Amino acid sequence: MHELGIVFHIIEKLEKIAKENNVKEITKVNLEIGEVSLVIPDYFLDVWKWAIKKSTYMKNCVCNIIRIEAISYCEECGQTFKTTKFAKICPKCLTNKTYLVTGDEVNIKDIEVLEWRKDQRFFRWSFVYLLVKLNSIIVFINSL
């Protein structure tokens, strides 16, 4: 069950970002999970519910999973096709000179947080993150 390691990695990254940005609580996370990423959404969510209880900033965080369709590209004819339907064989020219374009990623699309202000009011923010293959984070910040 590699979902456990992925959940811990995502929570670790989000906790670090929350701490660096003086966030009181992360309330929602939208994740993009590819069809062929080998992450099973039901297992992932079960682990998520267990793991956030141990977190500092995410105890009540809701996780929403958005599935990303697996699409492959044929180098011979330029056709794109559904990987889950045709595997590695192009349905147009029947070659196996294809590669996966989308569908194996696990991205943190965005998060919603509560932030304390000096006047003790909560402000709700939406932080948009992209976690590429669980290796690096690019941060964009949008306020709600």
C-alpha atoms as a PDB file:
ATOM      1  CA  MET A   1       0.000   0.000   0.000  1.00  0.00           C
ATOM      2  CA  HIS A   2       2.162   2.835  -1.312  1.00  0.00           C
ATOM      3  CA  GLU A   3      -0.732   5.258  -0.736  1.00  0.00           C
ATOM      4  CA  LEU A   4       0.510   5.586   2.842  1.00  0.00           C
ATOM      5  CA  GLY A   5       3.867   7.012   1.736  1.00  0.00           C
ATOM      6  CA  ILE A   6       2.237   9.358  -0.775  1.00  0.00           C
ATOM      7  CA  VAL A   7      -0.233  10.662   1.825  1.00  0.00           C
ATOM      8  CA  PHE A   8       2.578  11.270   4.332  1.00  0.00           C
ATOM      9  CA  HIS A   9       4.642  13.055   1.678  1.00  0.00           C
ATOM     10  CA  ILE A  10       1.756  15.344   0.693  1.00  0.00           C
ATOM     11  CA  ILE A  11       0.876  16.122   4.318  1.00  0.00           C
ATOM     12  CA  GLU A  12       4.525  16.853   5.107  1.00  0.00           C
ATOM     13  CA  LYS A  13       4.755  19.316   2.189  1.00  0.00           C
ATOM     14  CA  LEU A  14       1.470  21.014   3.085  1.00  0.00           C
ATOM     15  CA  GLU A  15       2.357  21.282   6.787  1.00  0.00           C
ATOM     16  CA  LYS A  16       5.659  22.939   5.867  1.00  0.00           C
ATOM     17  CA  ILE A  17       3.891  25.410   3.573  1.00  0.00           C
ATOM     18  CA  ALA A  18       1.254  26.140   6.232  1.00  0.00           C
ATOM     19  CA  LYS A  19       3.947  26.853   8.820  1.00  0.00           C
ATOM     20  CA  GLU A  20       5.945  29.099   6.458  1.00  0.00           C
ATOM     21  CA  ASN A  21       2.821  31.117   5.614  1.00  0.00           C
ATOM     22  CA  ASN A  22       1.453  31.453   9.179  1.00  0.00           C
ATOM     23  CA  VAL A  23      -1.659  29.478   8.309  1.00  0.00           C
ATOM     24  CA  LYS A  24      -3.949  28.434  11.147  1.00  0.00           C
ATOM     25  CA  GLU A  25      -5.543  25.496   9.369  1.00  0.00           C
ATOM     26  CA  ILE A  26      -5.728  23.810   5.964  1.00  0.00           C
ATOM     27  CA  THR A  27      -9.424  23.125   5.377  1.00  0.00           C
ATOM     28  CA  LYS A  28      -9.506  21.589   1.894  1.00  0.00           C
ATOM     29  CA  VAL A  29      -7.115  19.986  -0.594  1.00  0.00           C
ATOM     30  CA  ASN A  30      -7.902  19.245  -4.237  1.00  0.00           C
ATOM     31  CA  LEU A  31      -5.674  16.524  -5.668  1.00  0.00           C
ATOM     32  CA  GLU A  32      -5.320  15.480  -9.286  1.00  0.00           C
ATOM     33  CA  ILE A  33      -4.577  11.768  -9.528  1.00  0.00           C
ATOM     34  CA  GLY A  34      -3.908  10.103 -12.862  1.00  0.00           C
ATOM     35  CA  GLU A  35      -5.775   6.988 -13.978  1.00  0.00           C
ATOM     36  CA  VAL A  36      -2.535   5.025 -14.345  1.00  0.00           C
ATOM     37  CA  SER A  37      -0.662   6.565 -11.397  1.00  0.00           C
ATOM     38  CA  LEU A  38      -1.072   3.320  -9.409  1.00  0.00           C
ATOM     39  CA  VAL A  39      -2.817   5.309  -6.648  1.00  0.00           C
ATOM     40  CA  ILE A  40      -6.141   3.755  -5.682  1.00  0.00           C
ATOM     41  CA  PRO A  41      -8.436   6.633  -4.640  1.00  0.00           C
ATOM     42  CA  ASP A  42     -10.416   4.642  -2.033  1.00  0.00           C
ATOM     43  CA  TYR A  43      -7.233   3.422  -0.314  1.00  0.00           C
ATOM     44  CA  PHE A  44      -5.754   6.911  -0.539  1.00  0.00           C
ATOM     45  CA  LEU A  45      -8.791   8.496   1.148  1.00  0.00           C
ATOM     46  CA  ASP A  46      -8.830   5.865   3.905  1.00  0.00           C
ATOM     47  CA  VAL A  47      -5.178   6.567   4.687  1.00  0.00           C
ATOM     48  CA  TRP A  48      -5.812  10.329   4.394  1.00  0.00           C
ATOM     49  CA  LYS A  49      -8.587  10.252   7.019  1.00  0.00           C
ATOM     50  CA  TRP A  50      -6.324   8.368   9.397  1.00  0.00           C
ATOM     51  CA  ALA A  51      -3.175  10.468   8.772  1.00  0.00           C
ATOM     52  CA  ILE A  52      -4.705  13.947   9.099  1.00  0.00           C
ATOM     53  CA  LYS A  53      -5.688  13.181  12.702  1.00  0.00           C
ATOM     54  CA  LYS A  54      -1.960  13.231  13.509  1.00  0.00           C
ATOM     55  CA  SER A  55      -1.355  16.488  11.662  1.00  0.00           C
ATOM     56  CA  THR A  56      -0.890  19.945  13.131  1.00  0.00           C
ATOM     57  CA  TYR A  57      -2.660  22.012  10.473  1.00  0.00           C
ATOM     58  CA  MET A  58      -4.981  19.520   8.764  1.00  0.00           C
ATOM     59  CA  LYS A  59      -7.082  17.774  11.442  1.00  0.00           C
ATOM     60  CA  ASN A  60     -10.388  18.588   9.679  1.00  0.00           C
ATOM     61  CA  CYS A  61      -9.074  18.831   6.132  1.00  0.00           C
ATOM     62  CA  VAL A  62     -11.297  17.551   3.325  1.00  0.00           C
ATOM     63  CA  CYS A  63      -9.548  15.837   0.428  1.00  0.00           C
ATOM     64  CA  ASN A  64     -11.161  15.978  -3.009  1.00  0.00           C
ATOM     65  CA  ILE A  65      -9.746  13.729  -5.741  1.00  0.00           C
ATOM     66  CA  ILE A  66      -9.978  14.761  -9.384  1.00  0.00           C
ATOM     67  CA  ARG A  67      -9.129  11.915 -11.774  1.00  0.00           C
ATOM     68  CA  ILE A  68      -6.865  12.753 -14.716  1.00  0.00           C
ATOM     69  CA  GLU A  69      -7.525  10.698 -17.821  1.00  0.00           C
ATOM     70  CA  ALA A  70      -4.593   8.669 -19.159  1.00  0.00           C
ATOM     71  CA  ILE A  71      -3.753   9.867 -22.685  1.00  0.00           C
ATOM     72  CA  SER A  72      -0.978   8.512 -24.902  1.00  0.00           C
ATOM     73  CA  TYR A  73       0.617   9.965 -28.042  1.00  0.00           C
ATOM     74  CA  CYS A  74       1.713   8.067 -31.158  1.00  0.00           C
ATOM     75  CA  GLU A  75       5.060   9.179 -32.578  1.00  0.00           C
ATOM     76  CA  GLU A  76       4.276   7.610 -35.961  1.00  0.00           C
ATOM     77  CA  CYS A  77       0.950   9.260 -36.850  1.00  0.00           C
ATOM     78  CA  GLY A  78       0.518  11.975 -34.208  1.00  0.00           C
ATOM     79  CA  GLN A  79      -2.711  10.469 -32.850  1.00  0.00           C
ATOM     80  CA  THR A  80      -3.642  10.845 -29.164  1.00  0.00           C
ATOM     81  CA  PHE A  81      -5.726   8.101 -27.584  1.00  0.00           C
ATOM     82  CA  LYS A  82      -7.049   6.751 -24.286  1.00  0.00           C
ATOM     83  CA  THR A  83      -4.313   4.689 -22.706  1.00  0.00           C
ATOM     84  CA  THR A  84      -6.706   2.653 -20.589  1.00  0.00           C
ATOM     85  CA  LYS A  85      -8.612   1.547 -23.691  1.00  0.00           C
ATOM     86  CA  PHE A  86      -5.748   0.836 -26.123  1.00  0.00           C
ATOM     87  CA  ALA A  87      -2.708   0.382 -23.829  1.00  0.00           C
ATOM     88  CA  LYS A  88       0.502   1.124 -25.784  1.00  0.00           C
ATOM     89  CA  ILE A  89      -0.802   0.306 -29.262  1.00  0.00           C
ATOM     90  CA  CYS A  90      -2.014   3.223 -31.395  1.00  0.00           C
ATOM     91  CA  PRO A  91      -5.583   2.507 -32.581  1.00  0.00           C
ATOM     92  CA  LYS A  92      -4.972   4.406 -35.843  1.00  0.00           C
ATOM     93  CA  CYS A  93      -1.691   2.965 -37.182  1.00  0.00           C
ATOM     94  CA  LEU A  94      -1.218  -0.016 -34.800  1.00  0.00           C
ATOM     95  CA  THR A  95       2.362   0.858 -33.852  1.00  0.00           C
ATOM     96  CA  ASN A  96       3.733   0.653 -30.329  1.00  0.00           C
ATOM     97  CA  LYS A  97       5.877   3.790 -30.725  1.00  0.00           C
ATOM     98  CA  THR A  98       3.768   5.657 -28.206  1.00  0.00           C
ATOM     99  CA  TYR A  99       4.266   7.401 -24.914  1.00  0.00           C
ATOM    100  CA  LEU A 100       2.090   8.534 -22.035  1.00  0.00           C
ATOM    101  CA  VAL A 101       1.222  12.249 -22.065  1.00  0.00           C
ATOM    102  CA  THR A 102      -1.052  12.475 -19.005  1.00  0.00           C
ATOM    103  CA  GLY A 103      -2.457  10.109 -16.443  1.00  0.00           C
ATOM    104  CA  ASP A 104       0.442   9.064 -14.211  1.00  0.00           C
ATOM    105  CA  GLU A 105       0.648  12.247 -12.138  1.00  0.00           C
ATOM    106  CA  VAL A 106      -0.248  13.059  -8.550  1.00  0.00           C
ATOM    107  CA  ASN A 107      -0.695  16.842  -8.285  1.00  0.00           C
ATOM    108  CA  ILE A 108      -1.791  19.066  -5.463  1.00  0.00           C
ATOM    109  CA  LYS A 109      -4.077  21.297  -7.509  1.00  0.00           C
ATOM    110  CA  ASP A 110      -4.981  23.734  -4.737  1.00  0.00           C
ATOM    111  CA  ILE A 111      -5.643  24.078  -1.033  1.00  0.00           C
ATOM    112  CA  GLU A 112      -7.947  26.205   1.049  1.00  0.00           C
ATOM    113  CA  VAL A 113      -6.673  27.590   4.345  1.00  0.00           C
ATOM    114  CA  LEU A 114      -7.689  29.695   7.311  1.00  0.00           C
ATOM    115  CA  GLU A 115      -5.260  32.388   8.369  1.00  0.00           C
ATOM    116  CA  TRP A 116      -5.196  34.463  11.556  1.00  0.00           C
ATOM    117  CA  ARG A 117      -4.895  38.199  11.120  1.00  0.00           C
ATOM    118  CA  LYS A 118      -3.747  40.695  13.766  1.00  0.00           C
ATOM    119  CA  ASP A 119      -7.341  41.762  14.418  1.00  0.00           C
ATOM    120  CA  GLN A 120      -8.141  38.088  15.261  1.00  0.00           C
ATOM    121  CA  ARG A 121     -10.364  37.550  12.251  1.00  0.00           C
ATOM    122  CA  PHE A 122     -10.091  34.568   9.981  1.00  0.00           C
ATOM    123  CA  PHE A 123      -9.298  35.059   6.354  1.00  0.00           C
ATOM    124  CA  ARG A 124      -9.879  32.269   3.899  1.00  0.00           C
ATOM    125  CA  TRP A 125      -7.240  31.868   1.206  1.00  0.00           C
ATOM    126  CA  SER A 126      -6.839  29.563  -1.689  1.00  0.00           C
ATOM    127  CA  PHE A 127      -3.268  28.500  -2.404  1.00  0.00           C
ATOM    128  CA  VAL A 128      -2.635  26.826  -5.720  1.00  0.00           C
ATOM    129  CA  TYR A 129       0.167  24.285  -5.833  1.00  0.00           C
ATOM    130  CA  LEU A 130       1.498  21.928  -8.433  1.00  0.00           C
ATOM    131  CA  LEU A 131       3.362  18.918  -7.109  1.00  0.00           C
ATOM    132  CA  VAL A 132       5.054  17.352 -10.108  1.00  0.00           C
ATOM    133  CA  LYS A 133       5.614  13.629  -9.637  1.00  0.00           C
ATOM    134  CA  LEU A 134       6.017  14.336  -5.887  1.00  0.00           C
ATOM    135  CA  ASN A 135       9.411  15.967  -6.456  1.00  0.00           C
ATOM    136  CA  SER A 136       9.004  19.740  -6.589  1.00  0.00           C
ATOM    137  CA  ILE A 137       6.487  22.431  -5.763  1.00  0.00           C
ATOM    138  CA  ILE A 138       5.623  25.554  -7.721  1.00  0.00           C
ATOM    139  CA  VAL A 139       3.558  28.029  -5.688  1.00  0.00           C
ATOM    140  CA  PHE A 140       0.916  30.453  -6.911  1.00  0.00           C
ATOM    141  CA  ILE A 141      -1.225  32.337  -4.368  1.00  0.00           C
ATOM    142  CA  ASN A 142      -4.754  33.617  -4.981  1.00  0.00           C
ATOM    143  CA  SER A 143      -6.925  35.161  -2.277  1.00  0.00           C
ATOM    144  CA  LEU A 144     -10.637  34.384  -2.157  1.00  0.00           C
END
